Amino acid sequence: MIKVNTLKNDIFGGVTAAVVALPLALAFGVASGAGATAGLYGAIILGFFASLFGGTSTQISGPTGPMTVITATAIVSFQNDFQSVITVIFLAGLIQISLGLVKIGKWVKYIPYPVISGFMSGIGVIIIILQINPFLGVDSYGTVMETVVNLGNTLHLAHDESLILAYITLAIMFLTPKIITKYVPAALIALVFVTYFTIFMDFNVPTIGEIPMSLPEFTLPTRFDILQLDTIITLAITLALLGSIDTLLTSLVADSMTKTKHKPNKELIAQGIGNTLCSLVGAIPGAGATMRTVINIKSGGTTRISGMVHSLMLLLIVLFLAPLASLIPLSVLSGILIKVGFDILDYKFLNILRKVSKHDLLIMITVFLLTVFVDLIMAVGAGITFASILAIYRISKNTRMQTTNAINRVSFDIDVENKEIQILKIDGSLFFGTASVLDRKIDKIKPSTRFIVLDCLKVSFLDISAIFMIEEIINKLKEKNINVILLLRHADKRKVLNIDTNKVFKNTNIYNNIDGAVNCIQKRAYEEKTLKNE
């Protein structure tokens, strides 16, 4: 049973979040190329269903900067083919649902921070660059490179009245005192004030244009070019992964503010449902929005009702105030989005650039440049791969392999000398990153060696690459008539025997302590001596 005070706080939080979301939804819709209406309905539909089914009770979902950039890329890729764009969004939603069903949500926290930092800062720069043309009152280009390359020509075509409005908007966005923005968001102030200023001055500038006051039409993504399927799937995966990361990072922020714990997989399923439904009405997709979520929490929102109220409030605005919204100048929205772009930049990492390790800095810069100038999913993939390789390198450096030619405190009364025994002790992780090091150590074994003990008792992790490498080493040493004794923990022994299809380990002496190795060496030495005497 919801208490009256809780319900009142949720309603207030939802209404406040809607006020903040309105100008952003309009701006993201226009920036995506799908139109202001698509942005509004993206906020309404995703916001409602993500709250209804979600795993983060206070989260407000809707169009976000990163998701808008990918949607804009899809619209540019499929010019005059919005059915393919709808298919991209529809598949992205289904992929998010699948990620939640296979419980992959918890793995997002393992993405290295430099990758996230470079990606988010890259998204911020993309938004700023793509708003240069609307800021100047000039038709937009679809990509960052086109915008940068044609910047000189764009500056010559700048529209003075649009520039005035954009500068006023930027001033309001950056200079409005916090004591005011605490109650009324700067974006809403800019939207209302500059729009009325435009009407009062009778400026002739590009505006949002007509916004339908009716509910959107229902469309199924049934028609698309099969030859474009690879591009559709790539963009859908990008949207799904980006939306999932964006959402779950926002969920972590909500957790820290409310001292609660979100359900990541449930949240992914809810986001997937919301984005899938967005595609069916031609709305742009979105994710958990950090700023709107924080404002909802600070305004008193505590349950999923606040997110649903936010959506219903936006719906009422669309149905009754659409004619006013259609008069909003595009240069105003560009000013708002430029501020959003600056807010997305990861100042936490940027402030410590000189203090972080060269490896982390290199990863961040690589992801940043790939994000801005190449491809977003390639940026994340390359960043994670790069970070993983460096992590493997660091782990391999911590794995110690020491070769000795004596077993302490043991004297062999059989015909064998300590110098004929080599012990290779491995301490740390033995996996594909360190297996080659083990092979090089074996190659340095002295020719006089008769017995070699591979001591893996302190190996904390053993993967299949290392197991196969040990198998090759055993075969190689047997060809040189060197007896191999393997020391393994019980769990590792079961692991190697379980995949021992060639019976190499079965025919190798395996013990779980050094005494077993000593007894084995003495027994082998005795057997060899007996054979010689015969």
Protein backbone atom coordinates (compact mmCIF):
# COMPACT_ATOMS: atom_id res chain seq x y z
CA MET A 1 0.00 0.00 0.00
CA ILE A 2 1.52 3.33 -1.07
CA LYS A 3 1.45 6.04 1.60
CA VAL A 4 -0.15 9.42 0.78
CA ASN A 5 3.14 11.29 1.36
CA THR A 6 5.04 8.86 -0.86
CA LEU A 7 2.47 9.24 -3.63
CA LYS A 8 2.60 13.05 -3.33
CA ASN A 9 6.41 13.00 -3.55
CA ASP A 10 6.32 10.64 -6.53
CA ILE A 11 3.89 12.89 -8.38
CA PHE A 12 6.01 15.97 -7.67
CA GLY A 13 9.20 14.13 -8.67
CA GLY A 14 7.58 12.89 -11.89
CA VAL A 15 6.24 16.32 -12.86
CA THR A 16 9.63 17.94 -12.19
CA ALA A 17 11.40 15.27 -14.24
CA ALA A 18 8.91 15.87 -17.09
CA VAL A 19 9.67 19.60 -17.07
CA VAL A 20 13.38 18.79 -17.41
CA ALA A 21 12.75 16.08 -20.01
CA LEU A 22 10.58 18.22 -22.31
CA PRO A 23 13.27 20.40 -23.91
CA LEU A 24 15.72 17.49 -24.03
CA ALA A 25 13.21 15.17 -25.71
CA LEU A 26 12.46 17.84 -28.32
CA ALA A 27 16.16 18.53 -28.85
CA PHE A 28 17.19 14.88 -29.11
CA GLY A 29 14.32 14.17 -31.48
CA VAL A 30 15.39 16.96 -33.81
CA ALA A 31 19.09 16.08 -33.49
CA SER A 32 18.41 12.45 -34.40
CA GLY A 33 16.77 13.48 -37.66
CA ALA A 34 13.51 11.73 -36.75
CA GLY A 35 11.81 14.92 -35.59
CA ALA A 36 10.65 16.48 -32.34
CA THR A 37 7.58 14.23 -32.13
CA ALA A 38 9.78 11.12 -32.25
CA GLY A 39 11.80 12.49 -29.34
CA LEU A 40 8.72 13.27 -27.27
CA TYR A 41 7.13 9.86 -27.81
CA GLY A 42 10.46 8.19 -27.12
CA ALA A 43 10.45 9.85 -23.70
CA ILE A 44 6.77 9.02 -23.12
CA ILE A 45 6.78 5.35 -24.14
CA LEU A 46 10.20 4.32 -22.87
CA GLY A 47 9.79 6.38 -19.72
CA PHE A 48 6.47 4.73 -18.88
CA PHE A 49 7.28 1.08 -19.61
CA ALA A 50 10.83 1.18 -18.25
CA SER A 51 9.40 2.47 -14.97
CA LEU A 52 6.49 0.00 -15.00
CA PHE A 53 8.67 -3.11 -15.47
CA GLY A 54 12.11 -1.82 -14.42
CA GLY A 55 14.53 -2.86 -11.73
CA THR A 56 15.49 0.66 -10.62
CA SER A 57 12.51 2.25 -8.88
CA THR A 58 13.59 5.89 -9.20
CA GLN A 59 15.07 5.83 -12.70
CA ILE A 60 13.71 8.14 -15.40
CA SER A 61 14.28 6.85 -18.92
CA GLY A 62 14.12 8.61 -22.26
CA PRO A 63 16.21 9.77 -25.20
CA THR A 64 19.87 10.34 -24.25
CA GLY A 65 22.86 11.82 -26.04
CA PRO A 66 24.63 8.54 -26.87
CA MET A 67 21.45 6.83 -28.09
CA THR A 68 20.54 9.87 -30.19
CA VAL A 69 23.94 9.81 -31.89
CA ILE A 70 23.48 6.15 -32.91
CA THR A 71 19.92 6.79 -34.07
CA ALA A 72 21.15 9.72 -36.16
CA THR A 73 23.79 7.41 -37.67
CA ALA A 74 21.06 4.91 -38.56
CA ILE A 75 18.91 7.60 -40.18
CA VAL A 76 21.89 8.80 -42.25
CA SER A 77 22.75 5.20 -43.21
CA PHE A 78 19.18 4.53 -44.39
CA GLN A 79 18.19 7.79 -46.04
CA ASN A 80 14.56 7.80 -47.19
CA ASP A 81 14.13 4.35 -45.61
CA PHE A 82 12.69 4.89 -42.13
CA GLN A 83 11.41 1.29 -42.07
CA SER A 84 15.01 0.09 -41.77
CA VAL A 85 15.61 2.57 -38.93
CA ILE A 86 12.53 1.21 -37.15
CA THR A 87 13.89 -2.31 -37.64
CA VAL A 88 17.19 -1.28 -36.04
CA ILE A 89 15.38 0.09 -32.98
CA PHE A 90 13.05 -2.93 -32.81
CA LEU A 91 15.97 -5.41 -32.89
CA ALA A 92 17.90 -3.32 -30.35
CA GLY A 93 14.99 -3.66 -27.93
CA LEU A 94 14.81 -7.42 -28.47
CA ILE A 95 18.58 -7.71 -27.89
CA GLN A 96 18.25 -5.80 -24.62
CA ILE A 97 15.48 -8.16 -23.51
CA SER A 98 17.73 -11.10 -24.41
CA LEU A 99 20.64 -9.61 -22.43
CA GLY A 100 18.38 -9.38 -19.41
CA LEU A 101 17.05 -12.93 -19.83
CA VAL A 102 20.56 -14.42 -19.99
CA LYS A 103 21.46 -12.32 -16.92
CA ILE A 104 24.31 -10.39 -18.50
CA GLY A 105 23.50 -7.18 -16.64
CA LYS A 106 25.99 -7.79 -13.83
CA TRP A 107 28.89 -7.98 -16.30
CA VAL A 108 28.58 -4.34 -17.37
CA LYS A 109 30.46 -3.29 -14.23
CA TYR A 110 33.55 -5.06 -15.56
CA ILE A 111 33.98 -2.61 -18.45
CA PRO A 112 37.20 -0.66 -17.68
CA TYR A 113 36.64 2.93 -16.62
CA PRO A 114 39.02 4.45 -19.24
CA VAL A 115 36.84 2.83 -21.94
CA ILE A 116 33.67 4.37 -20.49
CA SER A 117 35.40 7.72 -20.01
CA GLY A 118 36.73 7.89 -23.56
CA PHE A 119 33.38 6.81 -24.96
CA MET A 120 31.28 9.30 -22.98
CA SER A 121 33.65 12.20 -23.68
CA GLY A 122 33.62 11.21 -27.35
CA ILE A 123 29.80 11.25 -27.38
CA GLY A 124 29.85 14.70 -25.77
CA VAL A 125 32.19 16.03 -28.47
CA ILE A 126 30.04 14.45 -31.23
CA ILE A 127 26.93 16.20 -29.89
CA ILE A 128 28.75 19.55 -29.72
CA ILE A 129 30.17 19.24 -33.27
CA LEU A 130 26.86 18.11 -34.80
CA GLN A 131 25.09 21.14 -33.27
CA ILE A 132 27.43 23.66 -34.92
CA ASN A 133 25.27 23.93 -38.06
CA PRO A 134 21.90 24.34 -36.26
CA PHE A 135 23.64 26.84 -33.95
CA LEU A 136 24.61 28.91 -37.02
CA GLY A 137 21.19 28.49 -38.65
CA VAL A 138 22.58 26.30 -41.44
CA ASP A 139 21.34 22.89 -42.63
CA SER A 140 23.02 20.05 -40.74
CA TYR A 141 25.40 17.42 -42.07
CA GLY A 142 24.92 13.82 -41.02
CA THR A 143 28.42 13.09 -39.75
CA VAL A 144 31.16 14.66 -37.67
CA MET A 145 33.70 14.50 -40.51
CA GLU A 146 31.37 16.28 -42.96
CA THR A 147 30.66 18.97 -40.38
CA VAL A 148 34.36 19.54 -39.63
CA VAL A 149 35.49 19.45 -43.27
CA ASN A 150 32.81 21.96 -44.34
CA LEU A 151 33.15 24.21 -41.30
CA GLY A 152 34.75 27.07 -43.25
CA ASN A 153 31.89 27.20 -45.73
CA THR A 154 29.34 26.84 -42.94
CA LEU A 155 30.69 29.89 -41.12
CA HIS A 156 30.20 31.99 -44.26
CA LEU A 157 26.54 30.91 -44.42
CA ALA A 158 25.81 31.70 -40.76
CA HIS A 159 22.35 33.22 -40.10
CA ASP A 160 22.63 36.27 -37.82
CA GLU A 161 19.21 35.91 -36.17
CA SER A 162 19.82 32.22 -35.42
CA LEU A 163 23.21 33.12 -33.93
CA ILE A 164 21.64 35.70 -31.61
CA LEU A 165 19.10 33.16 -30.34
CA ALA A 166 21.75 30.46 -29.93
CA TYR A 167 24.05 32.76 -27.95
CA ILE A 168 21.21 33.85 -25.67
CA THR A 169 20.35 30.17 -25.11
CA LEU A 170 23.97 29.31 -24.28
CA ALA A 171 24.16 32.22 -21.86
CA ILE A 172 21.03 31.03 -20.06
CA MET A 173 22.25 27.41 -19.99
CA PHE A 174 25.68 28.24 -18.60
CA LEU A 175 25.04 31.33 -16.47
CA THR A 176 21.68 30.76 -14.76
CA PRO A 177 22.39 30.69 -10.98
CA LYS A 178 21.96 27.38 -9.19
CA ILE A 179 19.47 28.93 -6.80
CA ILE A 180 17.13 29.34 -9.81
CA THR A 181 17.89 26.04 -11.57
CA LYS A 182 17.12 24.31 -8.28
CA TYR A 183 13.46 25.09 -8.95
CA VAL A 184 13.29 25.67 -12.72
CA PRO A 185 15.71 23.93 -15.09
CA ALA A 186 17.83 26.21 -17.26
CA ALA A 187 16.78 24.32 -20.40
CA LEU A 188 13.11 25.12 -19.77
CA ILE A 189 13.90 28.77 -19.07
CA ALA A 190 15.83 28.99 -22.35
CA LEU A 191 13.12 27.18 -24.27
CA VAL A 192 10.29 29.44 -23.09
CA PHE A 193 12.13 32.78 -22.92
CA VAL A 194 14.01 32.54 -26.23
CA THR A 195 10.96 31.22 -28.09
CA TYR A 196 8.85 34.16 -26.92
CA PHE A 197 11.76 36.51 -27.67
CA THR A 198 11.82 35.13 -31.23
CA ILE A 199 8.08 35.74 -31.67
CA PHE A 200 8.36 39.24 -30.16
CA MET A 201 11.27 40.19 -32.44
CA ASP A 202 9.56 38.55 -35.42
CA PHE A 203 12.74 36.66 -36.31
CA ASN A 204 12.56 34.49 -39.40
CA VAL A 205 14.49 31.40 -38.28
CA PRO A 206 14.09 27.61 -38.74
CA THR A 207 11.72 26.13 -36.14
CA ILE A 208 10.64 22.65 -35.05
CA GLY A 209 7.55 22.84 -37.22
CA GLU A 210 4.19 21.19 -36.80
CA ILE A 211 3.82 18.64 -34.00
CA PRO A 212 0.74 16.39 -34.41
CA MET A 213 -1.69 16.62 -31.47
CA SER A 214 -2.89 13.06 -32.05
CA LEU A 215 -1.42 9.75 -30.93
CA PRO A 216 1.23 8.29 -33.25
CA GLU A 217 0.44 5.64 -35.82
CA PHE A 218 1.26 1.99 -35.10
CA THR A 219 3.82 0.55 -37.54
CA LEU A 220 5.37 -2.91 -37.72
CA PRO A 221 8.98 -3.22 -38.95
CA THR A 222 8.10 -5.60 -41.78
CA ARG A 223 9.87 -4.01 -44.75
CA PHE A 224 13.61 -3.53 -45.06
CA ASP A 225 16.34 -4.16 -47.61
CA ILE A 226 17.79 -7.63 -46.98
CA LEU A 227 21.09 -6.44 -48.50
CA GLN A 228 21.36 -3.96 -45.62
CA LEU A 229 20.87 -6.63 -42.95
CA ASP A 230 24.50 -6.54 -41.79
CA THR A 231 24.29 -2.77 -41.20
CA ILE A 232 20.92 -3.14 -39.47
CA ILE A 233 22.25 -5.81 -37.09
CA THR A 234 25.46 -3.89 -36.36
CA LEU A 235 23.56 -0.71 -35.48
CA ALA A 236 21.01 -2.69 -33.44
CA ILE A 237 23.77 -4.34 -31.39
CA THR A 238 25.42 -0.94 -30.90
CA LEU A 239 22.15 0.60 -29.69
CA ALA A 240 21.42 -2.33 -27.37
CA LEU A 241 24.88 -2.40 -25.77
CA LEU A 242 25.11 1.36 -25.49
CA GLY A 243 21.62 1.65 -24.02
CA SER A 244 22.37 -1.13 -21.54
CA ILE A 245 25.63 0.44 -20.39
CA ASP A 246 24.09 3.92 -20.17
CA THR A 247 21.11 2.60 -18.21
CA LEU A 248 23.03 0.48 -15.72
CA LEU A 249 25.52 3.26 -15.01
CA THR A 250 22.57 5.52 -14.22
CA SER A 251 21.14 2.75 -12.01
CA LEU A 252 24.38 2.77 -10.02
CA VAL A 253 24.02 6.54 -9.53
CA ALA A 254 20.45 6.04 -8.32
CA ASP A 255 21.61 3.31 -5.92
CA SER A 256 24.24 5.57 -4.38
CA MET A 257 21.66 8.36 -3.84
CA THR A 258 18.82 6.22 -2.48
CA LYS A 259 20.94 3.60 -0.65
CA THR A 260 19.11 0.86 -2.53
CA LYS A 261 20.19 -1.92 -4.89
CA HIS A 262 18.80 -2.16 -8.40
CA LYS A 263 18.05 -5.37 -10.31
CA PRO A 264 20.18 -5.07 -13.46
CA ASN A 265 18.66 -7.88 -15.51
CA LYS A 266 15.10 -6.79 -14.77
CA GLU A 267 16.10 -3.26 -15.77
CA LEU A 268 17.51 -4.45 -19.09
CA ILE A 269 14.33 -6.37 -19.89
CA ALA A 270 12.24 -3.27 -19.11
CA GLN A 271 14.45 -1.05 -21.27
CA GLY A 272 14.17 -3.58 -24.08
CA ILE A 273 10.38 -3.64 -23.83
CA GLY A 274 10.27 0.17 -23.87
CA ASN A 275 12.60 0.55 -26.86
CA THR A 276 10.80 -2.19 -28.79
CA LEU A 277 7.50 -0.37 -28.29
CA CYS A 278 9.16 2.92 -29.31
CA SER A 279 10.03 1.40 -32.66
CA LEU A 280 6.40 0.46 -33.29
CA VAL A 281 5.33 4.14 -33.27
CA GLY A 282 8.42 5.59 -34.95
CA ALA A 283 9.84 7.05 -31.71
CA ILE A 284 13.55 7.26 -31.03
CA PRO A 285 15.07 4.87 -28.45
CA GLY A 286 16.64 5.85 -25.18
CA ALA A 287 18.08 4.69 -21.88
CA GLY A 288 18.20 5.56 -18.23
CA ALA A 289 18.88 9.32 -18.10
CA THR A 290 21.22 10.33 -15.29
CA MET A 291 20.26 14.00 -14.95
CA ARG A 292 16.52 13.32 -15.04
CA THR A 293 16.90 10.47 -12.56
CA VAL A 294 18.87 12.64 -10.14
CA ILE A 295 16.28 15.42 -10.38
CA ASN A 296 13.47 12.92 -9.78
CA ILE A 297 15.18 11.64 -6.63
CA LYS A 298 15.97 15.13 -5.34
CA SER A 299 12.35 16.16 -5.96
CA GLY A 300 11.06 13.33 -3.77
CA GLY A 301 10.52 10.46 -6.21
CA THR A 302 10.94 7.10 -4.48
CA THR A 303 8.94 4.54 -6.49
CA ARG A 304 8.29 3.60 -10.11
CA ILE A 305 5.13 5.79 -10.02
CA SER A 306 7.32 8.88 -10.43
CA GLY A 307 8.65 7.62 -13.78
CA MET A 308 5.14 6.85 -15.02
CA VAL A 309 3.88 10.28 -13.91
CA HIS A 310 6.76 11.85 -15.85
CA SER A 311 5.58 10.09 -19.01
CA LEU A 312 1.91 10.96 -18.54
CA MET A 313 2.83 14.60 -17.96
CA LEU A 314 4.76 14.67 -21.26
CA LEU A 315 1.79 13.07 -23.03
CA LEU A 316 -0.52 15.83 -21.77
CA ILE A 317 1.94 18.45 -23.05
CA VAL A 318 2.01 16.82 -26.49
CA LEU A 319 -1.78 16.57 -26.70
CA PHE A 320 -2.56 20.11 -25.52
CA LEU A 321 0.53 22.31 -26.04
CA ALA A 322 1.87 21.02 -29.36
CA PRO A 323 1.09 24.25 -31.30
CA LEU A 324 3.31 26.24 -28.92
CA ALA A 325 6.12 23.69 -29.10
CA SER A 326 6.11 23.88 -32.91
CA LEU A 327 7.32 27.51 -32.69
CA ILE A 328 10.56 26.63 -30.89
CA PRO A 329 13.62 27.70 -32.98
CA LEU A 330 16.13 24.97 -33.86
CA SER A 331 18.98 27.24 -32.74
CA VAL A 332 17.52 27.18 -29.22
CA LEU A 333 17.59 23.40 -29.19
CA SER A 334 21.18 23.46 -30.49
CA GLY A 335 22.21 25.71 -27.61
CA ILE A 336 20.57 23.33 -25.13
CA LEU A 337 22.27 20.30 -26.70
CA ILE A 338 25.70 21.96 -26.72
CA LYS A 339 25.35 22.37 -22.95
CA VAL A 340 24.30 18.70 -22.75
CA GLY A 341 27.42 17.78 -24.75
CA PHE A 342 29.64 19.63 -22.29
CA ASP A 343 27.84 17.94 -19.37
CA ILE A 344 28.49 14.48 -20.86
CA LEU A 345 32.26 15.06 -20.96
CA ASP A 346 33.91 13.00 -18.22
CA TYR A 347 35.51 15.73 -16.13
CA LYS A 348 36.31 13.23 -13.39
CA PHE A 349 38.87 11.56 -15.66
CA LEU A 350 39.88 14.73 -17.53
CA ASN A 351 40.89 16.39 -14.25
CA ILE A 352 43.41 13.65 -13.48
CA LEU A 353 44.83 13.09 -16.97
CA ARG A 354 48.39 13.88 -15.83
CA LYS A 355 48.13 11.54 -12.86
CA VAL A 356 46.77 8.35 -14.45
CA SER A 357 49.00 5.60 -15.82
CA LYS A 358 50.15 5.74 -19.46
CA HIS A 359 48.18 2.56 -20.16
CA ASP A 360 44.89 4.02 -18.90
CA LEU A 361 45.52 7.31 -20.71
CA LEU A 362 46.29 5.49 -23.96
CA ILE A 363 43.07 3.46 -23.71
CA MET A 364 40.99 6.55 -22.98
CA ILE A 365 42.45 8.56 -25.87
CA THR A 366 42.13 5.63 -28.30
CA VAL A 367 38.46 5.11 -27.44
CA PHE A 368 37.81 8.86 -27.57
CA LEU A 369 39.30 9.29 -31.06
CA LEU A 370 37.62 6.17 -32.44
CA THR A 371 34.28 7.31 -31.01
CA VAL A 372 34.47 10.77 -32.55
CA PHE A 373 36.00 10.00 -35.93
CA VAL A 374 35.42 6.32 -36.73
CA ASP A 375 32.67 4.20 -35.18
CA LEU A 376 31.12 3.91 -31.74
CA ILE A 377 30.90 0.13 -31.47
CA MET A 378 34.43 -0.20 -32.85
CA ALA A 379 35.56 2.28 -30.19
CA VAL A 380 34.09 0.25 -27.33
CA GLY A 381 35.26 -3.06 -28.81
CA ALA A 382 38.78 -1.78 -29.41
CA GLY A 383 38.90 -0.20 -25.96
CA ILE A 384 37.83 -3.38 -24.17
CA THR A 385 40.23 -5.48 -26.27
CA PHE A 386 43.11 -3.07 -25.64
CA ALA A 387 42.36 -2.94 -21.90
CA SER A 388 42.11 -6.75 -21.74
CA ILE A 389 45.48 -7.22 -23.46
CA LEU A 390 47.11 -4.79 -21.03
CA ALA A 391 45.43 -6.53 -18.08
CA ILE A 392 46.69 -9.90 -19.31
CA TYR A 393 50.18 -8.43 -19.67
CA ARG A 394 50.09 -7.12 -16.09
CA ILE A 395 48.85 -10.47 -14.74
CA SER A 396 51.50 -12.37 -16.68
CA LYS A 397 54.18 -10.11 -15.19
CA ASN A 398 53.00 -11.17 -11.73
CA THR A 399 53.27 -14.89 -12.54
CA ARG A 400 56.66 -16.12 -11.34
CA MET A 401 58.46 -19.14 -12.75
CA GLN A 402 61.63 -20.24 -10.99
CA THR A 403 63.90 -23.11 -12.02
CA THR A 404 66.07 -24.91 -9.44
CA ASN A 405 68.16 -28.06 -9.74
CA ALA A 406 67.77 -29.46 -6.26
CA ILE A 407 65.06 -30.64 -3.91
CA ASN A 408 65.84 -29.20 -0.50
CA ARG A 409 66.56 -31.52 2.39
CA VAL A 410 66.42 -34.62 0.17
CA SER A 411 69.42 -36.87 -0.46
CA PHE A 412 69.01 -39.54 -3.08
CA ASP A 413 70.63 -42.83 -2.16
CA ILE A 414 69.81 -44.24 -5.61
CA ASP A 415 71.94 -43.50 -8.67
CA VAL A 416 70.65 -39.95 -9.24
CA GLU A 417 72.20 -36.59 -8.45
CA ASN A 418 70.45 -33.33 -7.63
CA LYS A 419 71.98 -31.69 -10.70
CA GLU A 420 70.05 -34.17 -12.83
CA ILE A 421 66.77 -32.91 -11.40
CA GLN A 422 65.17 -29.65 -12.52
CA ILE A 423 62.24 -28.21 -10.62
CA LEU A 424 60.16 -25.50 -12.30
CA LYS A 425 57.99 -23.75 -9.71
CA ILE A 426 55.08 -21.69 -11.03
CA ASP A 427 53.43 -19.14 -8.76
CA GLY A 428 50.45 -17.22 -10.11
CA SER A 429 48.07 -17.63 -13.04
CA LEU A 430 48.92 -20.13 -15.77
CA PHE A 431 46.80 -19.26 -18.77
CA PHE A 432 47.10 -18.29 -22.44
CA GLY A 433 48.96 -15.12 -21.46
CA THR A 434 51.71 -16.98 -19.60
CA ALA A 435 51.74 -20.42 -21.27
CA SER A 436 54.34 -19.29 -23.84
CA VAL A 437 56.64 -18.16 -21.02
CA LEU A 438 56.47 -21.68 -19.57
CA ASP A 439 57.45 -23.11 -22.95
CA ARG A 440 60.50 -20.82 -23.15
CA LYS A 441 61.57 -21.85 -19.64
CA ILE A 442 61.41 -25.51 -20.64
CA ASP A 443 63.58 -24.83 -23.70
CA LYS A 444 66.35 -23.63 -21.36
CA ILE A 445 66.47 -26.92 -19.43
CA LYS A 446 70.03 -28.26 -19.18
CA PRO A 447 70.91 -31.26 -21.40
CA SER A 448 72.06 -33.25 -18.37
CA THR A 449 68.56 -33.25 -16.87
CA ARG A 450 67.00 -36.67 -16.31
CA PHE A 451 63.96 -35.61 -14.28
CA ILE A 452 61.88 -32.45 -14.39
CA VAL A 453 59.23 -31.54 -11.84
CA LEU A 454 56.56 -29.07 -12.97
CA ASP A 455 55.41 -27.66 -9.65
CA CYS A 456 51.96 -26.08 -10.24
CA LEU A 457 50.77 -26.29 -6.62
CA LYS A 458 50.72 -22.48 -6.33
CA VAL A 459 48.98 -21.92 -9.64
CA SER A 460 45.81 -19.95 -8.85
CA PHE A 461 44.22 -20.31 -12.26
CA LEU A 462 44.76 -22.87 -15.02
CA ASP A 463 43.02 -22.49 -18.39
CA ILE A 464 42.77 -24.83 -21.38
CA SER A 465 45.54 -23.03 -23.30
CA ALA A 466 47.96 -23.72 -20.46
CA ILE A 467 46.77 -27.34 -20.18
CA PHE A 468 47.46 -27.94 -23.88
CA MET A 469 50.84 -26.25 -23.52
CA ILE A 470 51.74 -28.57 -20.63
CA GLU A 471 50.63 -31.51 -22.77
CA GLU A 472 53.00 -30.39 -25.56
CA ILE A 473 55.82 -29.92 -23.06
CA ILE A 474 55.35 -33.43 -21.67
CA ASN A 475 55.50 -34.93 -25.18
CA LYS A 476 58.53 -32.80 -26.08
CA LEU A 477 60.45 -33.83 -22.94
CA LYS A 478 59.60 -37.50 -23.36
CA GLU A 479 61.17 -37.37 -26.83
CA LYS A 480 64.35 -36.19 -25.09
CA ASN A 481 64.11 -39.08 -22.58
CA ILE A 482 63.41 -36.69 -19.72
CA ASN A 483 61.00 -37.99 -17.06
CA VAL A 484 58.21 -35.52 -16.23
CA ILE A 485 56.52 -35.34 -12.82
CA LEU A 486 53.59 -32.99 -12.48
CA LEU A 487 52.49 -31.43 -9.17
CA LEU A 488 48.87 -30.27 -9.27
CA ARG A 489 46.14 -29.42 -6.81
CA HIS A 490 43.25 -31.90 -6.68
CA ALA A 491 40.89 -29.56 -8.57
CA ASP A 492 43.42 -28.94 -11.34
CA LYS A 493 44.18 -32.65 -11.61
CA ARG A 494 40.49 -33.38 -12.20
CA LYS A 495 40.39 -30.60 -14.79
CA VAL A 496 43.33 -31.93 -16.85
CA LEU A 497 42.21 -35.55 -16.66
CA ASN A 498 38.71 -34.58 -17.72
CA ILE A 499 39.97 -33.31 -21.11
CA ASP A 500 42.84 -35.82 -21.50
CA THR A 501 41.66 -37.34 -24.79
CA ASN A 502 45.19 -38.35 -25.83
CA LYS A 503 45.94 -40.07 -22.46
CA VAL A 504 49.04 -37.90 -22.02
CA PHE A 505 48.24 -36.89 -18.44
CA LYS A 506 46.99 -40.35 -17.57
CA ASN A 507 50.44 -41.70 -18.45
CA THR A 508 52.19 -38.93 -16.51
CA ASN A 509 52.98 -39.09 -12.80
CA ILE A 510 50.81 -36.48 -11.07
CA TYR A 511 51.08 -35.74 -7.33
CA ASN A 512 49.78 -33.09 -4.97
CA ASN A 513 52.96 -32.72 -2.86
CA ILE A 514 56.74 -32.71 -3.27
CA ASP A 515 57.17 -35.96 -1.32
CA GLY A 516 55.27 -37.80 -4.04
CA ALA A 517 57.65 -36.37 -6.63
CA VAL A 518 60.71 -37.43 -4.59
CA ASN A 519 59.44 -40.99 -4.18
CA CYS A 520 58.61 -41.14 -7.90
CA ILE A 521 62.12 -39.99 -8.87
CA GLN A 522 63.75 -42.55 -6.59
CA LYS A 523 61.51 -45.30 -7.92
CA ARG A 524 62.24 -44.38 -11.55
CA ALA A 525 65.97 -44.16 -10.87
CA TYR A 526 65.90 -47.58 -9.22
CA GLU A 527 64.01 -49.08 -12.16
CA GLU A 528 66.47 -47.59 -14.66
CA LYS A 529 69.43 -48.94 -12.66
CA THR A 530 67.87 -52.39 -12.48
CA LEU A 531 67.31 -52.45 -16.26
CA LYS A 532 70.94 -51.49 -16.88
CA ASN A 533 72.23 -54.25 -14.58
CA GLU A 534 70.14 -56.83 -16.38
